[in-house]
Amino acid sequence: MAHPTTPPPRICPACDGFASVAITLGGRDHRGHLRTITAHCPACQGTGTTPARRSREGARA
């Protein structure tokens, strides 16, 4: 008997699934650590996936 499977998550086309990145600011602090900031994808708000599309069946286009 076949088991139902969940559909794979939709990967965000803007960031290709890499939703958060660390960007170096160039230089180091007084302890020698790299200064970085975190940037999130504006299209998916840092989740890496997009919501499933709604079906427009029966709706007027």
N, C-alpha and C. Protein backbone atom coordinates (compact mmCIF):
# COMPACT_ATOMS: atom_id res chain seq x y z
N MET A 1 0.84 -1.17 0.00
CA MET A 1 0.00 0.00 0.00
C MET A 1 0.89 1.24 0.00
N ALA A 2 0.59 2.16 -0.86
CA ALA A 2 1.40 3.37 -0.97
C ALA A 2 1.11 4.33 0.19
N HIS A 3 2.15 4.95 0.69
CA HIS A 3 2.00 5.92 1.77
C HIS A 3 1.91 7.32 1.16
N PRO A 4 1.00 8.12 1.66
CA PRO A 4 0.92 9.49 1.13
C PRO A 4 2.16 10.28 1.53
N THR A 5 2.65 11.07 0.62
CA THR A 5 3.82 11.89 0.90
C THR A 5 3.43 13.35 0.80
N THR A 6 4.13 14.16 1.54
CA THR A 6 3.89 15.59 1.47
C THR A 6 4.66 16.16 0.28
N PRO A 7 4.11 17.15 -0.37
CA PRO A 7 4.83 17.73 -1.51
C PRO A 7 6.07 18.47 -1.02
N PRO A 8 7.10 18.51 -1.84
CA PRO A 8 8.31 19.22 -1.42
C PRO A 8 8.04 20.71 -1.29
N PRO A 9 8.74 21.39 -0.39
CA PRO A 9 8.51 22.83 -0.24
C PRO A 9 8.95 23.58 -1.49
N ARG A 10 8.27 24.67 -1.79
CA ARG A 10 8.62 25.47 -2.95
C ARG A 10 9.80 26.37 -2.58
N ILE A 11 10.87 26.27 -3.33
CA ILE A 11 12.06 27.07 -3.06
C ILE A 11 11.86 28.46 -3.63
N CYS A 12 12.25 29.46 -2.87
CA CYS A 12 12.11 30.85 -3.28
C CYS A 12 12.94 31.10 -4.54
N PRO A 13 12.34 31.64 -5.60
CA PRO A 13 13.11 31.88 -6.83
C PRO A 13 14.07 33.05 -6.71
N ALA A 14 13.85 33.95 -5.75
CA ALA A 14 14.73 35.12 -5.62
C ALA A 14 16.07 34.75 -4.98
N CYS A 15 16.04 33.88 -3.97
CA CYS A 15 17.28 33.55 -3.26
C CYS A 15 17.72 32.11 -3.48
N ASP A 16 16.95 31.32 -4.20
CA ASP A 16 17.25 29.93 -4.51
C ASP A 16 17.41 29.08 -3.26
N GLY A 17 16.69 29.44 -2.20
CA GLY A 17 16.70 28.66 -0.97
C GLY A 17 17.72 29.12 0.06
N PHE A 18 18.65 30.00 -0.31
CA PHE A 18 19.64 30.53 0.63
C PHE A 18 19.12 31.87 1.13
N ALA A 19 18.25 31.84 2.11
CA ALA A 19 17.49 33.02 2.52
C ALA A 19 18.25 33.98 3.42
N SER A 20 19.22 33.52 4.16
CA SER A 20 19.98 34.38 5.06
C SER A 20 21.46 34.23 4.77
N VAL A 21 22.15 35.35 4.73
CA VAL A 21 23.58 35.32 4.48
C VAL A 21 24.28 36.22 5.48
N ALA A 22 25.54 35.93 5.75
CA ALA A 22 26.37 36.78 6.60
C ALA A 22 27.31 37.56 5.68
N ILE A 23 27.32 38.87 5.83
CA ILE A 23 28.15 39.73 4.99
C ILE A 23 29.21 40.37 5.88
N THR A 24 30.48 40.25 5.46
CA THR A 24 31.53 40.88 6.24
C THR A 24 31.58 42.36 5.92
N LEU A 25 31.87 43.15 6.94
CA LEU A 25 31.92 44.59 6.78
C LEU A 25 33.32 45.09 6.44
N GLY A 26 34.27 44.20 6.33
CA GLY A 26 35.64 44.58 6.01
C GLY A 26 36.36 45.08 7.23
N GLY A 27 37.16 44.28 7.78
CA GLY A 27 37.90 44.67 8.98
C GLY A 27 37.54 43.78 10.15
N ARG A 28 38.28 43.98 11.21
CA ARG A 28 38.08 43.17 12.41
C ARG A 28 37.91 44.08 13.62
N ASP A 29 37.26 43.53 14.65
CA ASP A 29 37.11 44.32 15.88
C ASP A 29 38.39 44.24 16.71
N HIS A 30 38.37 44.81 17.89
CA HIS A 30 39.58 44.86 18.71
C HIS A 30 40.01 43.49 19.23
N ARG A 31 39.13 42.50 19.18
CA ARG A 31 39.48 41.13 19.58
C ARG A 31 39.97 40.29 18.41
N GLY A 32 39.86 40.80 17.20
CA GLY A 32 40.30 40.06 16.03
C GLY A 32 39.19 39.31 15.31
N HIS A 33 37.94 39.50 15.72
CA HIS A 33 36.82 38.82 15.09
C HIS A 33 36.35 39.61 13.87
N LEU A 34 35.91 38.91 12.85
CA LEU A 34 35.35 39.58 11.67
C LEU A 34 34.02 40.23 12.03
N ARG A 35 33.83 41.45 11.57
CA ARG A 35 32.55 42.13 11.78
C ARG A 35 31.62 41.72 10.65
N THR A 36 30.45 41.18 11.00
CA THR A 36 29.49 40.72 9.99
C THR A 36 28.10 41.23 10.32
N ILE A 37 27.25 41.27 9.30
CA ILE A 37 25.84 41.54 9.47
C ILE A 37 25.08 40.41 8.79
N THR A 38 23.84 40.21 9.17
CA THR A 38 23.00 39.18 8.55
C THR A 38 21.97 39.86 7.65
N ALA A 39 21.87 39.37 6.43
CA ALA A 39 20.89 39.91 5.49
C ALA A 39 19.91 38.80 5.12
N HIS A 40 18.63 39.15 5.07
CA HIS A 40 17.58 38.19 4.73
C HIS A 40 16.99 38.53 3.37
N CYS A 41 16.51 37.52 2.68
CA CYS A 41 15.87 37.71 1.37
C CYS A 41 14.58 38.50 1.55
N PRO A 42 14.39 39.59 0.81
CA PRO A 42 13.16 40.36 0.96
C PRO A 42 11.93 39.67 0.38
N ALA A 43 12.13 38.75 -0.54
CA ALA A 43 10.98 38.08 -1.17
C ALA A 43 10.33 37.06 -0.23
N CYS A 44 11.14 36.32 0.52
CA CYS A 44 10.59 35.26 1.37
C CYS A 44 10.77 35.56 2.87
N GLN A 45 11.29 36.72 3.21
CA GLN A 45 11.52 37.13 4.59
C GLN A 45 12.40 36.15 5.37
N GLY A 46 13.36 35.56 4.69
CA GLY A 46 14.34 34.70 5.36
C GLY A 46 13.92 33.27 5.58
N THR A 47 12.84 32.81 4.97
CA THR A 47 12.42 31.42 5.16
C THR A 47 13.00 30.49 4.11
N GLY A 48 13.27 31.00 2.90
CA GLY A 48 13.82 30.16 1.83
C GLY A 48 12.77 29.45 1.01
N THR A 49 11.51 29.56 1.41
CA THR A 49 10.42 28.92 0.67
C THR A 49 9.35 29.95 0.34
N THR A 50 8.52 29.63 -0.62
CA THR A 50 7.40 30.49 -0.97
C THR A 50 6.11 29.75 -0.67
N PRO A 51 5.04 30.46 -0.37
CA PRO A 51 3.77 29.78 -0.09
C PRO A 51 3.23 29.11 -1.35
N ALA A 52 2.47 28.07 -1.16
CA ALA A 52 1.85 27.37 -2.29
C ALA A 52 0.87 28.30 -2.99
N ARG A 53 0.78 28.15 -4.28
CA ARG A 53 -0.15 28.99 -5.04
C ARG A 53 -1.57 28.52 -4.81
N ARG A 54 -2.47 29.49 -4.72
CA ARG A 54 -3.87 29.14 -4.53
C ARG A 54 -4.48 28.76 -5.87
N SER A 55 -5.36 27.82 -5.84
CA SER A 55 -6.07 27.41 -7.04
C SER A 55 -7.16 28.43 -7.36
N ARG A 56 -7.23 28.85 -8.61
CA ARG A 56 -8.24 29.82 -9.01
C ARG A 56 -9.41 29.13 -9.72
N GLU A 57 -9.60 27.87 -9.45
CA GLU A 57 -10.67 27.13 -10.10
C GLU A 57 -12.03 27.68 -9.69
N GLY A 58 -12.83 28.00 -10.65
CA GLY A 58 -14.16 28.52 -10.39
C GLY A 58 -14.20 30.01 -10.16
N ALA A 59 -13.06 30.66 -10.11
CA ALA A 59 -13.03 32.11 -9.89
C ALA A 59 -13.01 32.83 -11.24
N ARG A 60 -13.59 34.01 -11.24
CA ARG A 60 -13.54 34.80 -12.46
C ARG A 60 -12.18 35.43 -12.60
N ALA A 61 -11.62 35.32 -13.78
CA ALA A 61 -10.27 35.86 -14.00
C ALA A 61 -10.30 37.25 -14.56
